[in-house]
PDB file of all heavy atoms in Angstrom:
ATOM      1  N   GLY A   1       6.583 -14.481  22.926  1.00  0.00           N
ATOM      2  CA  GLY A   1       5.488 -13.791  23.662  1.00  0.00           C
ATOM      3  C   GLY A   1       4.346 -14.638  23.823  1.00  0.00           C
ATOM      4  O   GLY A   1       4.164 -15.690  23.121  1.00  0.00           O
ATOM      5  N   GLY A   2       3.543 -14.307  24.743  1.00  0.00           N
ATOM      6  CA  GLY A   2       2.382 -15.202  25.156  1.00  0.00           C
ATOM      7  C   GLY A   2       2.656 -16.195  26.191  1.00  0.00           C
ATOM      8  O   GLY A   2       1.946 -17.111  26.472  1.00  0.00           O
ATOM      9  N   ASN A   3       3.885 -16.042  26.833  1.00  0.00           N
ATOM     10  CA  ASN A   3       4.358 -16.957  27.877  1.00  0.00           C
ATOM     11  C   ASN A   3       3.765 -16.604  29.305  1.00  0.00           C
ATOM     12  O   ASN A   3       3.435 -15.468  29.537  1.00  0.00           O
ATOM     13  CB  ASN A   3       5.828 -17.021  27.854  1.00  0.00           C
ATOM     14  CG  ASN A   3       6.466 -17.588  26.688  1.00  0.00           C
ATOM     15  OD1 ASN A   3       6.205 -18.769  26.418  1.00  0.00           O
ATOM     16  ND2 ASN A   3       7.251 -16.832  25.960  1.00  0.00           N
ATOM     17  N   THR A   4       3.832 -17.591  30.169  1.00  0.00           N
ATOM     18  CA  THR A   4       3.415 -17.371  31.528  1.00  0.00           C
ATOM     19  C   THR A   4       4.056 -18.399  32.423  1.00  0.00           C
ATOM     20  O   THR A   4       4.320 -19.537  31.947  1.00  0.00           O
ATOM     21  CB  THR A   4       1.930 -17.426  31.690  1.00  0.00           C
ATOM     22  OG1 THR A   4       1.592 -17.209  33.071  1.00  0.00           O
ATOM     23  CG2 THR A   4       1.364 -18.816  31.263  1.00  0.00           C
ATOM     24  N   GLU A   5       4.346 -18.090  33.705  1.00  0.00           N
ATOM     25  CA  GLU A   5       4.791 -19.008  34.644  1.00  0.00           C
ATOM     26  C   GLU A   5       3.676 -19.700  35.385  1.00  0.00           C
ATOM     27  O   GLU A   5       3.903 -20.634  36.213  1.00  0.00           O
ATOM     28  CB  GLU A   5       5.702 -18.300  35.662  1.00  0.00           C
ATOM     29  CG  GLU A   5       7.164 -18.253  35.210  1.00  0.00           C
ATOM     30  CD  GLU A   5       7.373 -17.434  33.974  1.00  0.00           C
ATOM     31  OE1 GLU A   5       7.209 -16.235  33.963  1.00  0.00           O
ATOM     32  OE2 GLU A   5       7.760 -18.095  32.940  1.00  0.00           O
ATOM     33  N   SER A   6       2.436 -19.327  35.092  1.00  0.00           N
ATOM     34  CA  SER A   6       1.299 -19.898  35.763  1.00  0.00           C
ATOM     35  C   SER A   6       1.156 -21.379  35.426  1.00  0.00           C
ATOM     36  O   SER A   6       1.411 -21.785  34.309  1.00  0.00           O
ATOM     37  CB  SER A   6       0.035 -19.194  35.323  1.00  0.00           C
ATOM     38  OG  SER A   6      -1.146 -19.757  35.982  1.00  0.00           O
ATOM     39  N   MET A   7       0.681 -22.173  36.403  1.00  0.00           N
ATOM     40  CA  MET A   7       0.444 -23.575  36.275  1.00  0.00           C
ATOM     41  C   MET A   7      -0.940 -23.899  35.718  1.00  0.00           C
ATOM     42  O   MET A   7      -1.322 -24.934  35.427  1.00  0.00           O
ATOM     43  CB  MET A   7       0.593 -24.295  37.582  1.00  0.00           C
ATOM     44  CG  MET A   7       2.033 -24.210  38.194  1.00  0.00           C
ATOM     45  SD  MET A   7       3.205 -25.110  37.166  1.00  0.00           S
ATOM     46  CE  MET A   7       4.657 -24.388  37.812  1.00  0.00           C
ATOM     47  N   LEU A   8      -1.789 -22.788  35.749  1.00  0.00           N
ATOM     48  CA  LEU A   8      -3.178 -22.926  35.347  1.00  0.00           C
ATOM     49  C   LEU A   8      -3.595 -21.905  34.241  1.00  0.00           C
ATOM     50  O   LEU A   8      -2.844 -20.908  34.036  1.00  0.00           O
ATOM     51  CB  LEU A   8      -4.113 -22.661  36.497  1.00  0.00           C
ATOM     52  CG  LEU A   8      -3.900 -23.519  37.694  1.00  0.00           C
ATOM     53  CD1 LEU A   8      -4.751 -23.001  38.881  1.00  0.00           C
ATOM     54  CD2 LEU A   8      -4.322 -24.995  37.452  1.00  0.00           C
ATOM     55  N   VAL A   9      -4.609 -22.130  33.562  1.00  0.00           N
ATOM     56  CA  VAL A   9      -5.245 -21.113  32.638  1.00  0.00           C
ATOM     57  C   VAL A   9      -6.016 -20.189  33.520  1.00  0.00           C
ATOM     58  O   VAL A   9      -7.255 -20.319  33.543  1.00  0.00           O
ATOM     59  CB  VAL A   9      -5.999 -21.777  31.521  1.00  0.00           C
ATOM     60  CG1 VAL A   9      -6.492 -20.689  30.564  1.00  0.00           C
ATOM     61  CG2 VAL A   9      -5.152 -22.810  30.797  1.00  0.00           C
ATOM     62  N   ASP A  10      -5.347 -19.206  34.096  1.00  0.00           N
ATOM     63  CA  ASP A  10      -6.057 -18.321  35.141  1.00  0.00           C
ATOM     64  C   ASP A  10      -5.669 -16.910  34.782  1.00  0.00           C
ATOM     65  O   ASP A  10      -5.133 -16.583  33.763  1.00  0.00           O
ATOM     66  CB  ASP A  10      -5.625 -18.746  36.533  1.00  0.00           C
ATOM     67  CG  ASP A  10      -4.130 -18.694  36.761  1.00  0.00           C
ATOM     68  OD1 ASP A  10      -3.391 -18.292  35.840  1.00  0.00           O
ATOM     69  OD2 ASP A  10      -3.641 -19.091  37.877  1.00  0.00           O
ATOM     70  N   TYR A  11      -5.970 -15.992  35.835  1.00  0.00           N
ATOM     71  CA  TYR A  11      -5.688 -14.604  35.625  1.00  0.00           C
ATOM     72  C   TYR A  11      -4.192 -14.328  35.376  1.00  0.00           C
ATOM     73  O   TYR A  11      -3.874 -13.537  34.482  1.00  0.00           O
ATOM     74  CB  TYR A  11      -6.097 -13.818  36.894  1.00  0.00           C
ATOM     75  CG  TYR A  11      -5.900 -12.331  36.802  1.00  0.00           C
ATOM     76  CD1 TYR A  11      -6.843 -11.472  36.218  1.00  0.00           C
ATOM     77  CD2 TYR A  11      -4.701 -11.758  37.213  1.00  0.00           C
ATOM     78  CE1 TYR A  11      -6.677 -10.086  36.183  1.00  0.00           C
ATOM     79  CE2 TYR A  11      -4.438 -10.413  37.069  1.00  0.00           C
ATOM     80  CZ  TYR A  11      -5.445  -9.548  36.569  1.00  0.00           C
ATOM     81  OH  TYR A  11      -5.191  -8.197  36.407  1.00  0.00           O
ATOM     82  N   GLN A  12      -3.376 -14.957  36.109  1.00  0.00           N
ATOM     83  CA  GLN A  12      -1.938 -14.811  35.894  1.00  0.00           C
ATOM     84  C   GLN A  12      -1.534 -15.218  34.482  1.00  0.00           C
ATOM     85  O   GLN A  12      -0.804 -14.447  33.763  1.00  0.00           O
ATOM     86  CB  GLN A  12      -1.053 -15.602  36.851  1.00  0.00           C
ATOM     87  CG  GLN A  12       0.457 -15.536  36.654  1.00  0.00           C
ATOM     88  CD  GLN A  12       1.273 -16.435  37.538  1.00  0.00           C
ATOM     89  OE1 GLN A  12       0.770 -16.977  38.557  1.00  0.00           O
ATOM     90  NE2 GLN A  12       2.554 -16.631  37.215  1.00  0.00           N
ATOM     91  N   ALA A  13      -2.016 -16.253  33.956  1.00  0.00           N
ATOM     92  CA  ALA A  13      -1.718 -16.795  32.573  1.00  0.00           C
ATOM     93  C   ALA A  13      -2.210 -15.782  31.602  1.00  0.00           C
ATOM     94  O   ALA A  13      -1.382 -15.377  30.664  1.00  0.00           O
ATOM     95  CB  ALA A  13      -2.391 -18.129  32.339  1.00  0.00           C
ATOM     96  N   GLY A  14      -3.361 -15.229  31.774  1.00  0.00           N
ATOM     97  CA  GLY A  14      -3.870 -14.187  30.850  1.00  0.00           C
ATOM     98  C   GLY A  14      -3.134 -12.913  30.839  1.00  0.00           C
ATOM     99  O   GLY A  14      -2.797 -12.317  29.803  1.00  0.00           O
ATOM    100  N   ALA A  15      -2.850 -12.428  32.115  1.00  0.00           N
ATOM    101  CA  ALA A  15      -2.087 -11.172  32.225  1.00  0.00           C
ATOM    102  C   ALA A  15      -0.713 -11.229  31.653  1.00  0.00           C
ATOM    103  O   ALA A  15      -0.225 -10.387  30.898  1.00  0.00           O
ATOM    104  CB  ALA A  15      -2.058 -10.747  33.691  1.00  0.00           C
ATOM    105  N   GLU A  16       0.053 -12.307  31.938  1.00  0.00           N
ATOM    106  CA  GLU A  16       1.423 -12.420  31.479  1.00  0.00           C
ATOM    107  C   GLU A  16       1.474 -12.717  29.951  1.00  0.00           C
ATOM    108  O   GLU A  16       2.282 -12.158  29.231  1.00  0.00           O
ATOM    109  CB  GLU A  16       2.115 -13.524  32.208  1.00  0.00           C
ATOM    110  CG  GLU A  16       2.434 -13.172  33.718  1.00  0.00           C
ATOM    111  CD  GLU A  16       3.132 -14.223  34.506  1.00  0.00           C
ATOM    112  OE1 GLU A  16       3.181 -15.422  34.089  1.00  0.00           O
ATOM    113  OE2 GLU A  16       3.739 -13.862  35.562  1.00  0.00           O
ATOM    114  N   ALA A  17       0.522 -13.572  29.506  1.00  0.00           N
ATOM    115  CA  ALA A  17       0.487 -13.779  28.090  1.00  0.00           C
ATOM    116  C   ALA A  17       0.152 -12.568  27.254  1.00  0.00           C
ATOM    117  O   ALA A  17       0.817 -12.294  26.215  1.00  0.00           O
ATOM    118  CB  ALA A  17      -0.532 -14.885  27.743  1.00  0.00           C
ATOM    119  N   ALA A  18      -0.830 -11.784  27.727  1.00  0.00           N
ATOM    120  CA  ALA A  18      -1.233 -10.554  27.058  1.00  0.00           C
ATOM    121  C   ALA A  18      -0.068  -9.498  27.014  1.00  0.00           C
ATOM    122  O   ALA A  18       0.189  -8.942  25.990  1.00  0.00           O
ATOM    123  CB  ALA A  18      -2.404  -9.959  27.690  1.00  0.00           C
ATOM    124  N   SER A  19       0.594  -9.342  28.173  1.00  0.00           N
ATOM    125  CA  SER A  19       1.655  -8.325  28.226  1.00  0.00           C
ATOM    126  C   SER A  19       2.859  -8.669  27.346  1.00  0.00           C
ATOM    127  O   SER A  19       3.389  -7.903  26.607  1.00  0.00           O
ATOM    128  CB  SER A  19       2.060  -7.986  29.656  1.00  0.00           C
ATOM    129  OG  SER A  19       2.646  -9.114  30.222  1.00  0.00           O
ATOM    130  N   THR A  20       3.293  -9.937  27.481  1.00  0.00           N
ATOM    131  CA  THR A  20       4.462 -10.309  26.777  1.00  0.00           C
ATOM    132  C   THR A  20       4.185 -10.390  25.237  1.00  0.00           C
ATOM    133  O   THR A  20       5.072 -10.104  24.397  1.00  0.00           O
ATOM    134  CB  THR A  20       5.040 -11.715  27.237  1.00  0.00           C
ATOM    135  OG1 THR A  20       4.067 -12.656  27.082  1.00  0.00           O
ATOM    136  CG2 THR A  20       5.499 -11.560  28.681  1.00  0.00           C
ATOM    137  N   LEU A  21       2.969 -10.800  24.844  1.00  0.00           N
ATOM    138  CA  LEU A  21       2.698 -10.921  23.410  1.00  0.00           C
ATOM    139  C   LEU A  21       2.531  -9.504  22.785  1.00  0.00           C
ATOM    140  O   LEU A  21       3.082  -9.235  21.809  1.00  0.00           O
ATOM    141  CB  LEU A  21       1.401 -11.787  23.190  1.00  0.00           C
ATOM    142  CG  LEU A  21       0.973 -11.864  21.727  1.00  0.00           C
ATOM    143  CD1 LEU A  21       2.057 -12.500  20.869  1.00  0.00           C
ATOM    144  CD2 LEU A  21      -0.333 -12.642  21.593  1.00  0.00           C
ATOM    145  N   LEU A  22       1.748  -8.663  23.466  1.00  0.00           N
ATOM    146  CA  LEU A  22       1.578  -7.337  22.947  1.00  0.00           C
ATOM    147  C   LEU A  22       2.879  -6.542  22.781  1.00  0.00           C
ATOM    148  O   LEU A  22       3.181  -5.968  21.727  1.00  0.00           O
ATOM    149  CB  LEU A  22       0.648  -6.497  23.794  1.00  0.00           C
ATOM    150  CG  LEU A  22       0.375  -5.124  23.385  1.00  0.00           C
ATOM    151  CD1 LEU A  22      -0.252  -5.045  21.914  1.00  0.00           C
ATOM    152  CD2 LEU A  22      -0.594  -4.398  24.229  1.00  0.00           C
ATOM    153  N   MET A  23       3.754  -6.646  23.838  1.00  0.00           N
ATOM    154  CA  MET A  23       5.007  -5.954  23.786  1.00  0.00           C
ATOM    155  C   MET A  23       5.953  -6.485  22.682  1.00  0.00           C
ATOM    156  O   MET A  23       6.666  -5.779  22.020  1.00  0.00           O
ATOM    157  CB  MET A  23       5.751  -5.971  25.171  1.00  0.00           C
ATOM    158  CG  MET A  23       5.012  -5.105  26.206  1.00  0.00           C
ATOM    159  SD  MET A  23       4.728  -3.377  25.719  1.00  0.00           S
ATOM    160  CE  MET A  23       6.446  -2.874  25.511  1.00  0.00           C
ATOM    161  N   ALA A  24       5.948  -7.857  22.539  1.00  0.00           N
ATOM    162  CA  ALA A  24       6.783  -8.424  21.472  1.00  0.00           C
ATOM    163  C   ALA A  24       6.305  -7.956  20.137  1.00  0.00           C
ATOM    164  O   ALA A  24       7.128  -7.736  19.255  1.00  0.00           O
ATOM    165  CB  ALA A  24       6.765  -9.975  21.580  1.00  0.00           C
ATOM    166  N   ALA A  25       5.008  -7.966  19.961  1.00  0.00           N
ATOM    167  CA  ALA A  25       4.437  -7.537  18.660  1.00  0.00           C
ATOM    168  C   ALA A  25       4.708  -6.103  18.375  1.00  0.00           C
ATOM    169  O   ALA A  25       5.092  -5.693  17.221  1.00  0.00           O
ATOM    170  CB  ALA A  25       2.898  -7.774  18.655  1.00  0.00           C
ATOM    171  N   LEU A  26       4.614  -5.196  19.390  1.00  0.00           N
ATOM    172  CA  LEU A  26       4.902  -3.784  19.200  1.00  0.00           C
ATOM    173  C   LEU A  26       6.424  -3.547  18.949  1.00  0.00           C
ATOM    174  O   LEU A  26       6.801  -2.531  18.474  1.00  0.00           O
ATOM    175  CB  LEU A  26       4.424  -3.011  20.381  1.00  0.00           C
ATOM    176  CG  LEU A  26       2.927  -2.881  20.527  1.00  0.00           C
ATOM    177  CD1 LEU A  26       2.537  -2.184  21.793  1.00  0.00           C
ATOM    178  CD2 LEU A  26       2.262  -2.146  19.309  1.00  0.00           C
ATOM    179  N   SER A  27       7.209  -4.523  19.297  1.00  0.00           N
ATOM    180  CA  SER A  27       8.662  -4.457  19.118  1.00  0.00           C
ATOM    181  C   SER A  27       9.040  -4.641  17.672  1.00  0.00           C
ATOM    182  O   SER A  27      10.171  -4.244  17.195  1.00  0.00           O
ATOM    183  CB  SER A  27       9.423  -5.444  19.994  1.00  0.00           C
ATOM    184  OG  SER A  27       9.163  -5.151  21.374  1.00  0.00           O
ATOM    185  N   GLY A  28       8.171  -5.181  16.847  1.00  0.00           N
ATOM    186  CA  GLY A  28       8.331  -5.319  15.408  1.00  0.00           C
ATOM    187  C   GLY A  28       9.035  -6.538  14.859  1.00  0.00           C
ATOM    188  O   GLY A  28       9.726  -6.502  13.884  1.00  0.00           O
ATOM    189  N   PHE A  29       8.923  -7.653  15.561  1.00  0.00           N
ATOM    190  CA  PHE A  29       9.429  -8.885  15.131  1.00  0.00           C
ATOM    191  C   PHE A  29       8.696  -9.396  13.790  1.00  0.00           C
ATOM    192  O   PHE A  29       7.554  -9.075  13.589  1.00  0.00           O
ATOM    193  CB  PHE A  29       9.244 -10.035  16.144  1.00  0.00           C
ATOM    194  CG  PHE A  29      10.196  -9.920  17.351  1.00  0.00           C
ATOM    195  CD1 PHE A  29       9.807  -9.497  18.495  1.00  0.00           C
ATOM    196  CD2 PHE A  29      11.551 -10.313  17.147  1.00  0.00           C
ATOM    197  CE1 PHE A  29      10.663  -9.374  19.597  1.00  0.00           C
ATOM    198  CE2 PHE A  29      12.449 -10.232  18.235  1.00  0.00           C
ATOM    199  CZ  PHE A  29      11.967  -9.795  19.399  1.00  0.00           C
ATOM    200  N   ASP A  30       9.440 -10.170  13.004  1.00  0.00           N
ATOM    201  CA  ASP A  30       8.815 -10.770  11.856  1.00  0.00           C
ATOM    202  C   ASP A  30       7.952 -11.956  12.330  1.00  0.00           C
ATOM    203  O   ASP A  30       6.948 -12.322  11.664  1.00  0.00           O
ATOM    204  CB  ASP A  30       9.866 -11.258  10.856  1.00  0.00           C
ATOM    205  CG  ASP A  30      10.578 -10.110  10.193  1.00  0.00           C
ATOM    206  OD1 ASP A  30       9.978  -9.454   9.308  1.00  0.00           O
ATOM    207  OD2 ASP A  30      11.769  -9.942  10.445  1.00  0.00           O
ATOM    208  N   PHE A  31       8.450 -12.593  13.358  1.00  0.00           N
ATOM    209  CA  PHE A  31       7.873 -13.942  13.779  1.00  0.00           C
ATOM    210  C   PHE A  31       7.902 -13.985  15.321  1.00  0.00           C
ATOM    211  O   PHE A  31       8.970 -13.660  15.922  1.00  0.00           O
ATOM    212  CB  PHE A  31       8.582 -15.074  13.145  1.00  0.00           C
ATOM    213  CG  PHE A  31       8.074 -16.470  13.431  1.00  0.00           C
ATOM    214  CD1 PHE A  31       6.982 -16.920  12.727  1.00  0.00           C
ATOM    215  CD2 PHE A  31       8.800 -17.259  14.297  1.00  0.00           C
ATOM    216  CE1 PHE A  31       6.582 -18.195  12.996  1.00  0.00           C
ATOM    217  CE2 PHE A  31       8.286 -18.540  14.587  1.00  0.00           C
ATOM    218  CZ  PHE A  31       7.141 -19.059  13.920  1.00  0.00           C
ATOM    219  N   ILE A  32       6.846 -14.372  15.967  1.00  0.00           N
ATOM    220  CA  ILE A  32       6.812 -14.556  17.377  1.00  0.00           C
ATOM    221  C   ILE A  32       6.347 -15.913  17.730  1.00  0.00           C
ATOM    222  O   ILE A  32       5.290 -16.424  17.235  1.00  0.00           O
ATOM    223  CB  ILE A  32       5.850 -13.493  18.041  1.00  0.00           C
ATOM    224  CG1 ILE A  32       6.248 -12.122  17.717  1.00  0.00           C
ATOM    225  CG2 ILE A  32       5.851 -13.703  19.571  1.00  0.00           C
ATOM    226  CD1 ILE A  32       5.328 -11.012  18.172  1.00  0.00           C
ATOM    227  N   TYR A  33       7.203 -16.557  18.440  1.00  0.00           N
ATOM    228  CA  TYR A  33       6.821 -17.974  18.843  1.00  0.00           C
ATOM    229  C   TYR A  33       6.210 -17.965  20.208  1.00  0.00           C
ATOM    230  O   TYR A  33       6.223 -17.076  20.987  1.00  0.00           O
ATOM    231  CB  TYR A  33       8.186 -18.756  18.896  1.00  0.00           C
ATOM    232  CG  TYR A  33       8.085 -20.138  18.374  1.00  0.00           C
ATOM    233  CD1 TYR A  33       8.004 -20.393  17.048  1.00  0.00           C
ATOM    234  CD2 TYR A  33       8.216 -21.257  19.236  1.00  0.00           C
ATOM    235  CE1 TYR A  33       7.888 -21.670  16.549  1.00  0.00           C
ATOM    236  CE2 TYR A  33       8.198 -22.504  18.779  1.00  0.00           C
ATOM    237  CZ  TYR A  33       8.015 -22.749  17.429  1.00  0.00           C
ATOM    238  OH  TYR A  33       7.920 -24.091  16.913  1.00  0.00           O
ATOM    239  N   ASP A  34       5.543 -19.133  20.545  1.00  0.00           N
ATOM    240  CA  ASP A  34       4.969 -19.356  21.893  1.00  0.00           C
ATOM    241  C   ASP A  34       3.638 -18.508  22.053  1.00  0.00           C
ATOM    242  O   ASP A  34       3.128 -18.320  23.236  1.00  0.00           O
ATOM    243  CB  ASP A  34       5.897 -19.108  23.086  1.00  0.00           C
ATOM    244  CG  ASP A  34       7.095 -19.938  22.966  1.00  0.00           C
ATOM    245  OD1 ASP A  34       7.017 -21.094  22.574  1.00  0.00           O
ATOM    246  OD2 ASP A  34       8.215 -19.489  23.424  1.00  0.00           O
ATOM    247  N   THR A  35       3.064 -18.009  20.984  1.00  0.00           N
ATOM    248  CA  THR A  35       1.894 -17.083  21.169  1.00  0.00           C
ATOM    249  C   THR A  35       0.654 -17.781  21.587  1.00  0.00           C
ATOM    250  O   THR A  35      -0.341 -17.075  21.914  1.00  0.00           O
ATOM    251  CB  THR A  35       1.636 -16.288  19.831  1.00  0.00           C
ATOM    252  OG1 THR A  35       1.240 -17.240  18.827  1.00  0.00           O
ATOM    253  CG2 THR A  35       2.889 -15.569  19.404  1.00  0.00           C
ATOM    254  N   ALA A  36       0.585 -19.118  21.524  1.00  0.00           N
ATOM    255  CA  ALA A  36      -0.633 -19.855  21.832  1.00  0.00           C
ATOM    256  C   ALA A  36      -0.304 -21.161  22.543  1.00  0.00           C
ATOM    257  O   ALA A  36       0.434 -21.932  22.011  1.00  0.00           O
ATOM    258  CB  ALA A  36      -1.461 -20.106  20.539  1.00  0.00           C
ATOM    259  N   GLY A  37      -0.945 -21.341  23.707  1.00  0.00           N
ATOM    260  CA  GLY A  37      -0.876 -22.579  24.329  1.00  0.00           C
ATOM    261  C   GLY A  37       0.055 -22.767  25.575  1.00  0.00           C
ATOM    262  O   GLY A  37       0.121 -23.808  26.202  1.00  0.00           O
ATOM    263  N   SER A  38       0.832 -21.725  25.898  1.00  0.00           N
ATOM    264  CA  SER A  38       1.900 -21.906  26.877  1.00  0.00           C
ATOM    265  C   SER A  38       1.405 -21.670  28.304  1.00  0.00           C
ATOM    266  O   SER A  38       0.791 -20.622  28.576  1.00  0.00           O
ATOM    267  CB  SER A  38       3.028 -20.825  26.575  1.00  0.00           C
ATOM    268  OG  SER A  38       3.932 -20.739  27.672  1.00  0.00           O
ATOM    269  N   ILE A  39       1.755 -22.619  29.240  1.00  0.00           N
ATOM    270  CA  ILE A  39       1.696 -22.416  30.598  1.00  0.00           C
ATOM    271  C   ILE A  39       3.019 -23.034  31.207  1.00  0.00           C
ATOM    272  O   ILE A  39       3.736 -23.719  30.441  1.00  0.00           O
ATOM    273  CB  ILE A  39       0.499 -23.062  31.354  1.00  0.00           C
ATOM    274  CG1 ILE A  39       0.305 -24.572  31.052  1.00  0.00           C
ATOM    275  CG2 ILE A  39      -0.832 -22.379  30.833  1.00  0.00           C
ATOM    276  CD1 ILE A  39      -0.791 -25.268  31.808  1.00  0.00           C
ATOM    277  N   GLU A  40       3.250 -22.727  32.427  1.00  0.00           N
ATOM    278  CA  GLU A  40       4.397 -23.321  33.248  1.00  0.00           C
ATOM    279  C   GLU A  40       5.702 -23.040  32.391  1.00  0.00           C
ATOM    280  O   GLU A  40       6.506 -23.984  32.137  1.00  0.00           O
ATOM    281  CB  GLU A  40       4.166 -24.791  33.361  1.00  0.00           C
ATOM    282  CG  GLU A  40       5.157 -25.381  34.405  1.00  0.00           C
ATOM    283  CD  GLU A  40       4.934 -26.923  34.681  1.00  0.00           C
ATOM    284  OE1 GLU A  40       3.909 -27.432  34.188  1.00  0.00           O
ATOM    285  OE2 GLU A  40       5.769 -27.473  35.363  1.00  0.00           O
ATOM    286  N   SER A  41       5.910 -21.746  32.030  1.00  0.00           N
ATOM    287  CA  SER A  41       7.171 -21.443  31.266  1.00  0.00           C
ATOM    288  C   SER A  41       7.341 -22.206  29.975  1.00  0.00           C
ATOM    289  O   SER A  41       8.462 -22.530  29.663  1.00  0.00           O
ATOM    290  CB  SER A  41       8.402 -21.526  32.231  1.00  0.00           C
ATOM    291  OG  SER A  41       8.197 -20.786  33.415  1.00  0.00           O
ATOM    292  N   SER A  42       6.222 -22.491  29.356  1.00  0.00           N
ATOM    293  CA  SER A  42       6.262 -23.284  28.088  1.00  0.00           C
ATOM    294  C   SER A  42       6.716 -24.735  28.284  1.00  0.00           C
ATOM    295  O   SER A  42       6.967 -25.461  27.334  1.00  0.00           O
ATOM    296  CB  SER A  42       7.142 -22.657  27.074  1.00  0.00           C
ATOM    297  OG  SER A  42       6.479 -21.388  26.610  1.00  0.00           O
ATOM    298  N   LEU A  43       6.743 -25.221  29.458  1.00  0.00           N
ATOM    299  CA  LEU A  43       7.029 -26.646  29.675  1.00  0.00           C
ATOM    300  C   LEU A  43       5.773 -27.459  29.499  1.00  0.00           C
ATOM    301  O   LEU A  43       5.774 -28.703  29.164  1.00  0.00           O
ATOM    302  CB  LEU A  43       7.534 -26.946  31.155  1.00  0.00           C
ATOM    303  CG  LEU A  43       8.887 -26.377  31.497  1.00  0.00           C
ATOM    304  CD1 LEU A  43       9.190 -26.558  32.976  1.00  0.00           C
ATOM    305  CD2 LEU A  43       9.993 -27.083  30.702  1.00  0.00           C
TER     306      LEU A  43
END
């Protein structure tokens, strides 16, 4: 969670990171990877 396809730290990056991270967290994982620093599909 926290991922984005955006090439920049912009609105898309914030929106996609927030939605994927919150939903992953509410899903009840023990551990969530990629929660900080990802742009460009984590490339």
